[in-house]
Amino acid sequence: MEPWANIPVASDLMIEGRAVPYGARIHIEALPADVLRLVDTGGNFLGDNKQIREPGHEPLDIATAWPGKSQKLSGKKTRFKIDWTDTLPEPRPRVS
């Protein structure tokens, strides 16, 4: 399978007690050849609405082109490591 570059991942803005910088690279054990970037967040990841399936395990949402639930990763636990030094520049604000 061809590795993909810069696959967007949504998560909490705080992981492991640290603020996640925009575009931080995340290495996910189940997808070792892919370059995943933490670039999004949402109601499922923050505050009282945070959807934690199991205490101590951080929810992540990996963007896919698969309809419905993602293939073989949805609801699974996998080890991950954040590379706090490999980040993307902040996006420029959109002007209409």
PDB file of N, CA and C in Angstrom:
ATOM      1  N   MET A   1       0.839  -1.174   0.000  1.00  0.00           N
ATOM      2  CA  MET A   1       0.000   0.000   0.000  1.00  0.00           C
ATOM      3  C   MET A   1       0.889   1.244   0.000  1.00  0.00           C
ATOM      4  N   GLU A   2       0.521   2.229  -0.773  1.00  0.00           N
ATOM      5  CA  GLU A   2       1.259   3.490  -0.882  1.00  0.00           C
ATOM      6  C   GLU A   2       1.080   4.329   0.385  1.00  0.00           C
ATOM      7  N   PRO A   3       2.170   4.780   1.026  1.00  0.00           N
ATOM      8  CA  PRO A   3       2.005   5.652   2.191  1.00  0.00           C
ATOM      9  C   PRO A   3       1.469   7.018   1.769  1.00  0.00           C
ATOM     10  N   TRP A   4       0.654   7.599   2.615  1.00  0.00           N
ATOM     11  CA  TRP A   4       0.058   8.901   2.335  1.00  0.00           C
ATOM     12  C   TRP A   4       0.779   9.958   3.140  1.00  0.00           C
ATOM     13  N   ALA A   5       0.838  11.151   2.604  1.00  0.00           N
ATOM     14  CA  ALA A   5       1.511  12.264   3.287  1.00  0.00           C
ATOM     15  C   ALA A   5       0.484  13.202   3.901  1.00  0.00           C
ATOM     16  N   ASN A   6       0.748  13.589   5.121  1.00  0.00           N
ATOM     17  CA  ASN A   6      -0.063  14.582   5.838  1.00  0.00           C
ATOM     18  C   ASN A   6      -1.553  14.249   5.891  1.00  0.00           C
ATOM     19  N   ILE A   7      -1.879  13.096   6.427  1.00  0.00           N
ATOM     20  CA  ILE A   7      -3.260  12.702   6.655  1.00  0.00           C
ATOM     21  C   ILE A   7      -3.757  13.477   7.876  1.00  0.00           C
ATOM     22  N   PRO A   8      -4.888  14.210   7.757  1.00  0.00           N
ATOM     23  CA  PRO A   8      -5.363  14.984   8.896  1.00  0.00           C
ATOM     24  C   PRO A   8      -5.955  14.101   9.995  1.00  0.00           C
ATOM     25  N   VAL A   9      -5.630  14.460  11.231  1.00  0.00           N
ATOM     26  CA  VAL A   9      -6.140  13.766  12.411  1.00  0.00           C
ATOM     27  C   VAL A   9      -6.736  14.811  13.342  1.00  0.00           C
ATOM     28  N   ALA A  10      -7.898  14.517  13.898  1.00  0.00           N
ATOM     29  CA  ALA A  10      -8.529  15.391  14.882  1.00  0.00           C
ATOM     30  C   ALA A  10      -8.300  14.801  16.271  1.00  0.00           C
ATOM     31  N   SER A  11      -8.081  15.685  17.237  1.00  0.00           N
ATOM     32  CA  SER A  11      -7.870  15.238  18.614  1.00  0.00           C
ATOM     33  C   SER A  11      -8.150  16.391  19.569  1.00  0.00           C
ATOM     34  N   ASP A  12      -7.930  16.136  20.843  1.00  0.00           N
ATOM     35  CA  ASP A  12      -8.001  17.175  21.860  1.00  0.00           C
ATOM     36  C   ASP A  12      -6.854  18.149  21.624  1.00  0.00           C
ATOM     37  N   LEU A  13      -6.979  19.350  22.135  1.00  0.00           N
ATOM     38  CA  LEU A  13      -5.903  20.335  22.028  1.00  0.00           C
ATOM     39  C   LEU A  13      -4.858  20.149  23.114  1.00  0.00           C
ATOM     40  N   MET A  14      -5.163  19.298  24.109  1.00  0.00           N
ATOM     41  CA  MET A  14      -4.227  18.971  25.188  1.00  0.00           C
ATOM     42  C   MET A  14      -4.061  17.458  25.226  1.00  0.00           C
ATOM     43  N   ILE A  15      -2.839  16.977  25.052  1.00  0.00           N
ATOM     44  CA  ILE A  15      -2.544  15.550  25.131  1.00  0.00           C
ATOM     45  C   ILE A  15      -1.315  15.390  26.002  1.00  0.00           C
ATOM     46  N   GLU A  16      -1.362  14.418  26.891  1.00  0.00           N
ATOM     47  CA  GLU A  16      -0.259  14.154  27.809  1.00  0.00           C
ATOM     48  C   GLU A  16       0.074  15.397  28.625  1.00  0.00           C
ATOM     49  N   GLY A  17      -0.958  16.205  28.932  1.00  0.00           N
ATOM     50  CA  GLY A  17      -0.773  17.399  29.750  1.00  0.00           C
ATOM     51  C   GLY A  17      -0.101  18.558  29.031  1.00  0.00           C
ATOM     52  N   ARG A  18       0.049  18.478  27.720  1.00  0.00           N
ATOM     53  CA  ARG A  18       0.709  19.526  26.945  1.00  0.00           C
ATOM     54  C   ARG A  18      -0.206  20.014  25.827  1.00  0.00           C
ATOM     55  N   ALA A  19      -0.102  21.321  25.522  1.00  0.00           N
ATOM     56  CA  ALA A  19      -0.842  21.871  24.385  1.00  0.00           C
ATOM     57  C   ALA A  19      -0.231  21.322  23.095  1.00  0.00           C
ATOM     58  N   VAL A  20      -1.068  20.832  22.219  1.00  0.00           N
ATOM     59  CA  VAL A  20      -0.601  20.252  20.961  1.00  0.00           C
ATOM     60  C   VAL A  20      -0.409  21.370  19.943  1.00  0.00           C
ATOM     61  N   PRO A  21       0.809  21.539  19.408  1.00  0.00           N
ATOM     62  CA  PRO A  21       1.000  22.557  18.377  1.00  0.00           C
ATOM     63  C   PRO A  21       0.327  22.145  17.078  1.00  0.00           C
ATOM     64  N   TYR A  22      -0.121  23.140  16.314  1.00  0.00           N
ATOM     65  CA  TYR A  22      -0.781  22.860  15.041  1.00  0.00           C
ATOM     66  C   TYR A  22       0.125  22.015  14.147  1.00  0.00           C
ATOM     67  N   GLY A  23      -0.443  20.975  13.577  1.00  0.00           N
ATOM     68  CA  GLY A  23       0.276  20.157  12.607  1.00  0.00           C
ATOM     69  C   GLY A  23       1.313  19.218  13.188  1.00  0.00           C
ATOM     70  N   ALA A  24       1.277  19.003  14.509  1.00  0.00           N
ATOM     71  CA  ALA A  24       2.239  18.068  15.108  1.00  0.00           C
ATOM     72  C   ALA A  24       2.077  16.696  14.455  1.00  0.00           C
ATOM     73  N   ARG A  25       3.197  16.070  14.157  1.00  0.00           N
ATOM     74  CA  ARG A  25       3.158  14.735  13.557  1.00  0.00           C
ATOM     75  C   ARG A  25       2.843  13.724  14.650  1.00  0.00           C
ATOM     76  N   ILE A  26       1.970  12.783  14.312  1.00  0.00           N
ATOM     77  CA  ILE A  26       1.637  11.704  15.235  1.00  0.00           C
ATOM     78  C   ILE A  26       1.963  10.388  14.538  1.00  0.00           C
ATOM     79  N   HIS A  27       2.717   9.571  15.225  1.00  0.00           N
ATOM     80  CA  HIS A  27       3.071   8.241  14.717  1.00  0.00           C
ATOM     81  C   HIS A  27       2.104   7.253  15.368  1.00  0.00           C
ATOM     82  N   ILE A  28       1.358   6.546  14.556  1.00  0.00           N
ATOM     83  CA  ILE A  28       0.388   5.571  15.056  1.00  0.00           C
ATOM     84  C   ILE A  28       0.877   4.183  14.680  1.00  0.00           C
ATOM     85  N   GLU A  29       0.977   3.331  15.695  1.00  0.00           N
ATOM     86  CA  GLU A  29       1.534   1.993  15.502  1.00  0.00           C
ATOM     87  C   GLU A  29       0.837   1.225  14.380  1.00  0.00           C
ATOM     88  N   ALA A  30      -0.474   1.388  14.254  1.00  0.00           N
ATOM     89  CA  ALA A  30      -1.230   0.641  13.250  1.00  0.00           C
ATOM     90  C   ALA A  30      -1.016   1.165  11.829  1.00  0.00           C
ATOM     91  N   LEU A  31      -0.441   2.373  11.695  1.00  0.00           N
ATOM     92  CA  LEU A  31      -0.205   2.978  10.375  1.00  0.00           C
ATOM     93  C   LEU A  31       1.237   3.478  10.298  1.00  0.00           C
ATOM     94  N   PRO A  32       2.208   2.579  10.369  1.00  0.00           N
ATOM     95  CA  PRO A  32       3.597   3.012  10.498  1.00  0.00           C
ATOM     96  C   PRO A  32       4.172   3.748   9.287  1.00  0.00           C
ATOM     97  N   ALA A  33       3.641   3.553   8.095  1.00  0.00           N
ATOM     98  CA  ALA A  33       4.205   4.183   6.903  1.00  0.00           C
ATOM     99  C   ALA A  33       3.564   5.528   6.580  1.00  0.00           C
ATOM    100  N   ASP A  34       2.495   5.892   7.293  1.00  0.00           N
ATOM    101  CA  ASP A  34       1.751   7.104   6.968  1.00  0.00           C
ATOM    102  C   ASP A  34       2.211   8.289   7.801  1.00  0.00           C
ATOM    103  N   VAL A  35       2.137   9.488   7.206  1.00  0.00           N
ATOM    104  CA  VAL A  35       2.456  10.730   7.900  1.00  0.00           C
ATOM    105  C   VAL A  35       1.132  11.358   8.312  1.00  0.00           C
ATOM    106  N   LEU A  36       0.858  11.320   9.603  1.00  0.00           N
ATOM    107  CA  LEU A  36      -0.389  11.856  10.134  1.00  0.00           C
ATOM    108  C   LEU A  36      -0.105  13.147  10.882  1.00  0.00           C
ATOM    109  N   ARG A  37      -1.002  14.129  10.755  1.00  0.00           N
ATOM    110  CA  ARG A  37      -0.820  15.442  11.369  1.00  0.00           C
ATOM    111  C   ARG A  37      -2.057  15.822  12.182  1.00  0.00           C
ATOM    112  N   LEU A  38      -1.834  16.273  13.424  1.00  0.00           N
ATOM    113  CA  LEU A  38      -2.913  16.750  14.284  1.00  0.00           C
ATOM    114  C   LEU A  38      -3.248  18.180  13.872  1.00  0.00           C
ATOM    115  N   VAL A  39      -4.336  18.340  13.133  1.00  0.00           N
ATOM    116  CA  VAL A  39      -4.679  19.649  12.582  1.00  0.00           C
ATOM    117  C   VAL A  39      -6.125  20.062  12.852  1.00  0.00           C
ATOM    118  N   ASP A  40      -6.859  19.283  13.616  1.00  0.00           N
ATOM    119  CA  ASP A  40      -8.280  19.565  13.783  1.00  0.00           C
ATOM    120  C   ASP A  40      -8.707  19.173  15.186  1.00  0.00           C
ATOM    121  N   THR A  41      -9.813  19.716  15.601  1.00  0.00           N
ATOM    122  CA  THR A  41     -10.426  19.345  16.868  1.00  0.00           C
ATOM    123  C   THR A  41     -11.928  19.466  16.693  1.00  0.00           C
ATOM    124  N   GLY A  42     -12.684  19.215  17.716  1.00  0.00           N
ATOM    125  CA  GLY A  42     -14.133  19.317  17.608  1.00  0.00           C
ATOM    126  C   GLY A  42     -14.788  18.938  18.909  1.00  0.00           C
ATOM    127  N   GLY A  43     -16.114  19.006  18.936  1.00  0.00           N
ATOM    128  CA  GLY A  43     -16.886  18.759  20.142  1.00  0.00           C
ATOM    129  C   GLY A  43     -16.679  17.382  20.751  1.00  0.00           C
ATOM    130  N   ASN A  44     -16.333  16.389  19.947  1.00  0.00           N
ATOM    131  CA  ASN A  44     -16.124  15.040  20.478  1.00  0.00           C
ATOM    132  C   ASN A  44     -14.817  14.917  21.247  1.00  0.00           C
ATOM    133  N   PHE A  45     -13.969  15.946  21.184  1.00  0.00           N
ATOM    134  CA  PHE A  45     -12.637  15.871  21.779  1.00  0.00           C
ATOM    135  C   PHE A  45     -12.432  16.838  22.934  1.00  0.00           C
ATOM    136  N   LEU A  46     -13.412  17.696  23.212  1.00  0.00           N
ATOM    137  CA  LEU A  46     -13.221  18.758  24.197  1.00  0.00           C
ATOM    138  C   LEU A  46     -14.278  18.751  25.294  1.00  0.00           C
ATOM    139  N   GLY A  47     -13.883  19.148  26.490  1.00  0.00           N
ATOM    140  CA  GLY A  47     -14.808  19.407  27.595  1.00  0.00           C
ATOM    141  C   GLY A  47     -15.729  18.254  27.929  1.00  0.00           C
ATOM    142  N   ASP A  48     -16.964  18.622  28.316  1.00  0.00           N
ATOM    143  CA  ASP A  48     -17.943  17.628  28.763  1.00  0.00           C
ATOM    144  C   ASP A  48     -18.400  16.697  27.648  1.00  0.00           C
ATOM    145  N   ASN A  49     -18.252  17.114  26.396  1.00  0.00           N
ATOM    146  CA  ASN A  49     -18.686  16.289  25.265  1.00  0.00           C
ATOM    147  C   ASN A  49     -17.617  15.321  24.784  1.00  0.00           C
ATOM    148  N   LYS A  50     -16.422  15.352  25.403  1.00  0.00           N
ATOM    149  CA  LYS A  50     -15.329  14.483  24.966  1.00  0.00           C
ATOM    150  C   LYS A  50     -15.767  13.027  25.063  1.00  0.00           C
ATOM    151  N   GLN A  51     -15.635  12.301  23.970  1.00  0.00           N
ATOM    152  CA  GLN A  51     -16.099  10.920  23.919  1.00  0.00           C
ATOM    153  C   GLN A  51     -14.934   9.966  24.139  1.00  0.00           C
ATOM    154  N   ILE A  52     -14.788   9.544  25.390  1.00  0.00           N
ATOM    155  CA  ILE A  52     -13.726   8.609  25.759  1.00  0.00           C
ATOM    156  C   ILE A  52     -14.357   7.230  25.883  1.00  0.00           C
ATOM    157  N   ARG A  53     -13.896   6.304  25.078  1.00  0.00           N
ATOM    158  CA  ARG A  53     -14.436   4.935  25.142  1.00  0.00           C
ATOM    159  C   ARG A  53     -13.908   4.182  26.344  1.00  0.00           C
ATOM    160  N   GLU A  54     -12.652   4.482  26.711  1.00  0.00           N
ATOM    161  CA  GLU A  54     -12.040   3.814  27.851  1.00  0.00           C
ATOM    162  C   GLU A  54     -11.120   4.811  28.555  1.00  0.00           C
ATOM    163  N   PRO A  55     -11.271   4.970  29.873  1.00  0.00           N
ATOM    164  CA  PRO A  55     -10.438   5.932  30.602  1.00  0.00           C
ATOM    165  C   PRO A  55      -8.944   5.707  30.335  1.00  0.00           C
ATOM    166  N   GLY A  56      -8.228   6.828  30.147  1.00  0.00           N
ATOM    167  CA  GLY A  56      -6.791   6.754  29.911  1.00  0.00           C
ATOM    168  C   GLY A  56      -6.397   6.598  28.459  1.00  0.00           C
ATOM    169  N   HIS A  57      -7.381   6.490  27.565  1.00  0.00           N
ATOM    170  CA  HIS A  57      -7.092   6.331  26.136  1.00  0.00           C
ATOM    171  C   HIS A  57      -7.658   7.520  25.379  1.00  0.00           C
ATOM    172  N   GLU A  58      -6.768   8.222  24.685  1.00  0.00           N
ATOM    173  CA  GLU A  58      -7.130   9.453  23.978  1.00  0.00           C
ATOM    174  C   GLU A  58      -7.878   9.152  22.685  1.00  0.00           C
ATOM    175  N   PRO A  59      -9.061   9.800  22.454  1.00  0.00           N
ATOM    176  CA  PRO A  59      -9.750   9.601  21.179  1.00  0.00           C
ATOM    177  C   PRO A  59      -9.063  10.378  20.062  1.00  0.00           C
ATOM    178  N   LEU A  60      -8.927   9.744  18.922  1.00  0.00           N
ATOM    179  CA  LEU A  60      -8.366  10.356  17.719  1.00  0.00           C
ATOM    180  C   LEU A  60      -9.310  10.065  16.567  1.00  0.00           C
ATOM    181  N   ASP A  61      -9.404  10.981  15.623  1.00  0.00           N
ATOM    182  CA  ASP A  61     -10.236  10.781  14.445  1.00  0.00           C
ATOM    183  C   ASP A  61      -9.356  10.977  13.223  1.00  0.00           C
ATOM    184  N   ILE A  62      -9.155   9.913  12.468  1.00  0.00           N
ATOM    185  CA  ILE A  62      -8.301   9.942  11.281  1.00  0.00           C
ATOM    186  C   ILE A  62      -9.183  10.126  10.053  1.00  0.00           C
ATOM    187  N   ALA A  63      -8.882  11.159   9.263  1.00  0.00           N
ATOM    188  CA  ALA A  63      -9.665  11.414   8.055  1.00  0.00           C
ATOM    189  C   ALA A  63      -9.463  10.276   7.065  1.00  0.00           C
ATOM    190  N   THR A  64     -10.567   9.783   6.518  1.00  0.00           N
ATOM    191  CA  THR A  64     -10.501   8.705   5.528  1.00  0.00           C
ATOM    192  C   THR A  64     -11.485   8.984   4.399  1.00  0.00           C
ATOM    193  N   ALA A  65     -11.336   8.270   3.326  1.00  0.00           N
ATOM    194  CA  ALA A  65     -12.272   8.352   2.204  1.00  0.00           C
ATOM    195  C   ALA A  65     -13.282   7.209   2.268  1.00  0.00           C
ATOM    196  N   TRP A  66     -13.219   6.403   3.332  1.00  0.00           N
ATOM    197  CA  TRP A  66     -14.135   5.260   3.448  1.00  0.00           C
ATOM    198  C   TRP A  66     -15.484   5.724   3.938  1.00  0.00           C
ATOM    199  N   PRO A  67     -16.564   5.267   3.311  1.00  0.00           N
ATOM    200  CA  PRO A  67     -17.897   5.626   3.807  1.00  0.00           C
ATOM    201  C   PRO A  67     -18.185   4.916   5.128  1.00  0.00           C
ATOM    202  N   GLY A  68     -18.896   5.596   5.990  1.00  0.00           N
ATOM    203  CA  GLY A  68     -19.230   4.984   7.276  1.00  0.00           C
ATOM    204  C   GLY A  68     -18.022   4.866   8.164  1.00  0.00           C
ATOM    205  N   LYS A  69     -17.948   3.788   8.909  1.00  0.00           N
ATOM    206  CA  LYS A  69     -16.824   3.588   9.835  1.00  0.00           C
ATOM    207  C   LYS A  69     -15.553   3.256   9.077  1.00  0.00           C
ATOM    208  N   SER A  70     -14.432   3.725   9.611  1.00  0.00           N
ATOM    209  CA  SER A  70     -13.156   3.482   8.945  1.00  0.00           C
ATOM    210  C   SER A  70     -12.765   2.015   9.043  1.00  0.00           C
ATOM    211  N   GLN A  71     -12.037   1.567   8.063  1.00  0.00           N
ATOM    212  CA  GLN A  71     -11.651   0.160   7.979  1.00  0.00           C
ATOM    213  C   GLN A  71     -10.715  -0.242   9.106  1.00  0.00           C
ATOM    214  N   LYS A  72     -11.134  -1.170   9.928  1.00  0.00           N
ATOM    215  CA  LYS A  72     -10.329  -1.883  10.905  1.00  0.00           C
ATOM    216  C   LYS A  72      -9.728  -1.047  12.039  1.00  0.00           C
ATOM    217  N   LEU A  73      -9.832   0.287  12.022  1.00  0.00           N
ATOM    218  CA  LEU A  73      -9.272   1.082  13.110  1.00  0.00           C
ATOM    219  C   LEU A  73     -10.334   1.653  14.031  1.00  0.00           C
ATOM    220  N   SER A  74     -11.547   1.798  13.552  1.00  0.00           N
ATOM    221  CA  SER A  74     -12.588   2.432  14.351  1.00  0.00           C
ATOM    222  C   SER A  74     -12.829   1.669  15.648  1.00  0.00           C
ATOM    223  N   GLY A  75     -12.719   2.396  16.753  1.00  0.00           N
ATOM    224  CA  GLY A  75     -12.966   1.797  18.059  1.00  0.00           C
ATOM    225  C   GLY A  75     -11.832   0.956  18.593  1.00  0.00           C
ATOM    226  N   LYS A  76     -10.719   0.902  17.903  1.00  0.00           N
ATOM    227  CA  LYS A  76      -9.579   0.089  18.345  1.00  0.00           C
ATOM    228  C   LYS A  76      -8.592   0.955  19.124  1.00  0.00           C
ATOM    229  N   LYS A  77      -7.869   0.330  20.014  1.00  0.00           N
ATOM    230  CA  LYS A  77      -6.783   1.006  20.714  1.00  0.00           C
ATOM    231  C   LYS A  77      -5.492   0.710  19.968  1.00  0.00           C
ATOM    232  N   THR A  78      -4.678   1.719  19.811  1.00  0.00           N
ATOM    233  CA  THR A  78      -3.367   1.539  19.202  1.00  0.00           C
ATOM    234  C   THR A  78      -2.412   2.513  19.876  1.00  0.00           C
ATOM    235  N   ARG A  79      -1.170   2.142  19.948  1.00  0.00           N
ATOM    236  CA  ARG A  79      -0.187   3.036  20.558  1.00  0.00           C
ATOM    237  C   ARG A  79       0.164   4.146  19.594  1.00  0.00           C
ATOM    238  N   PHE A  80       0.413   5.328  20.161  1.00  0.00           N
ATOM    239  CA  PHE A  80       0.821   6.455  19.333  1.00  0.00           C
ATOM    240  C   PHE A  80       1.892   7.254  20.058  1.00  0.00           C
ATOM    241  N   LYS A  81       2.620   8.028  19.268  1.00  0.00           N
ATOM    242  CA  LYS A  81       3.662   8.901  19.804  1.00  0.00           C
ATOM    243  C   LYS A  81       3.568  10.221  19.055  1.00  0.00           C
ATOM    244  N   ILE A  82       3.566  11.322  19.792  1.00  0.00           N
ATOM    245  CA  ILE A  82       3.531  12.638  19.167  1.00  0.00           C
ATOM    246  C   ILE A  82       4.953  13.143  19.030  1.00  0.00           C
ATOM    247  N   ASP A  83       5.281  13.618  17.833  1.00  0.00           N
ATOM    248  CA  ASP A  83       6.574  14.253  17.610  1.00  0.00           C
ATOM    249  C   ASP A  83       6.361  15.750  17.808  1.00  0.00           C
ATOM    250  N   TRP A  84       6.713  16.238  18.993  1.00  0.00           N
ATOM    251  CA  TRP A  84       6.453  17.627  19.376  1.00  0.00           C
ATOM    252  C   TRP A  84       7.303  18.613  18.578  1.00  0.00           C
ATOM    253  N   THR A  85       8.335  18.144  17.885  1.00  0.00           N
ATOM    254  CA  THR A  85       9.217  19.049  17.145  1.00  0.00           C
ATOM    255  C   THR A  85       8.906  19.089  15.655  1.00  0.00           C
ATOM    256  N   ASP A  86       8.177  18.103  15.137  1.00  0.00           N
ATOM    257  CA  ASP A  86       7.835  18.047  13.716  1.00  0.00           C
ATOM    258  C   ASP A  86       6.422  18.591  13.555  1.00  0.00           C
ATOM    259  N   THR A  87       6.299  19.890  13.243  1.00  0.00           N
ATOM    260  CA  THR A  87       4.995  20.547  13.151  1.00  0.00           C
ATOM    261  C   THR A  87       4.869  21.250  11.804  1.00  0.00           C
ATOM    262  N   LEU A  88       3.663  21.717  11.520  1.00  0.00           N
ATOM    263  CA  LEU A  88       3.404  22.523  10.323  1.00  0.00           C
ATOM    264  C   LEU A  88       3.238  23.970  10.745  1.00  0.00           C
ATOM    265  N   PRO A  89       3.455  24.915   9.819  1.00  0.00           N
ATOM    266  CA  PRO A  89       3.176  26.316  10.163  1.00  0.00           C
ATOM    267  C   PRO A  89       1.673  26.531  10.353  1.00  0.00           C
ATOM    268  N   GLU A  90       1.312  27.471  11.210  1.00  0.00           N
ATOM    269  CA  GLU A  90      -0.112  27.792  11.403  1.00  0.00           C
ATOM    270  C   GLU A  90      -0.718  28.209  10.073  1.00  0.00           C
ATOM    271  N   PRO A  91      -1.962  27.770   9.793  1.00  0.00           N
ATOM    272  CA  PRO A  91      -2.590  28.179   8.540  1.00  0.00           C
ATOM    273  C   PRO A  91      -2.899  29.672   8.563  1.00  0.00           C
ATOM    274  N   ARG A  92      -2.855  30.298   7.393  1.00  0.00           N
ATOM    275  CA  ARG A  92      -3.224  31.701   7.307  1.00  0.00           C
ATOM    276  C   ARG A  92      -4.731  31.827   7.348  1.00  0.00           C
ATOM    277  N   PRO A  93      -5.252  32.890   7.978  1.00  0.00           N
ATOM    278  CA  PRO A  93      -6.714  33.075   8.013  1.00  0.00           C
ATOM    279  C   PRO A  93      -7.280  33.237   6.604  1.00  0.00           C
ATOM    280  N   ARG A  94      -8.471  32.702   6.388  1.00  0.00           N
ATOM    281  CA  ARG A  94      -9.133  32.838   5.087  1.00  0.00           C
ATOM    282  C   ARG A  94      -9.735  34.237   4.972  1.00  0.00           C
ATOM    283  N   VAL A  95      -9.644  34.788   3.798  1.00  0.00           N
ATOM    284  CA  VAL A  95     -10.232  36.100   3.525  1.00  0.00           C
ATOM    285  C   VAL A  95     -11.272  35.911   2.441  1.00  0.00           C
ATOM    286  N   SER A  96     -12.495  36.412   2.718  1.00  0.00           N
ATOM    287  CA  SER A  96     -13.522  36.224   1.700  1.00  0.00           C
ATOM    288  C   SER A  96     -13.627  37.385   0.764  1.00  0.00           C
TER     289      SER A  96
END
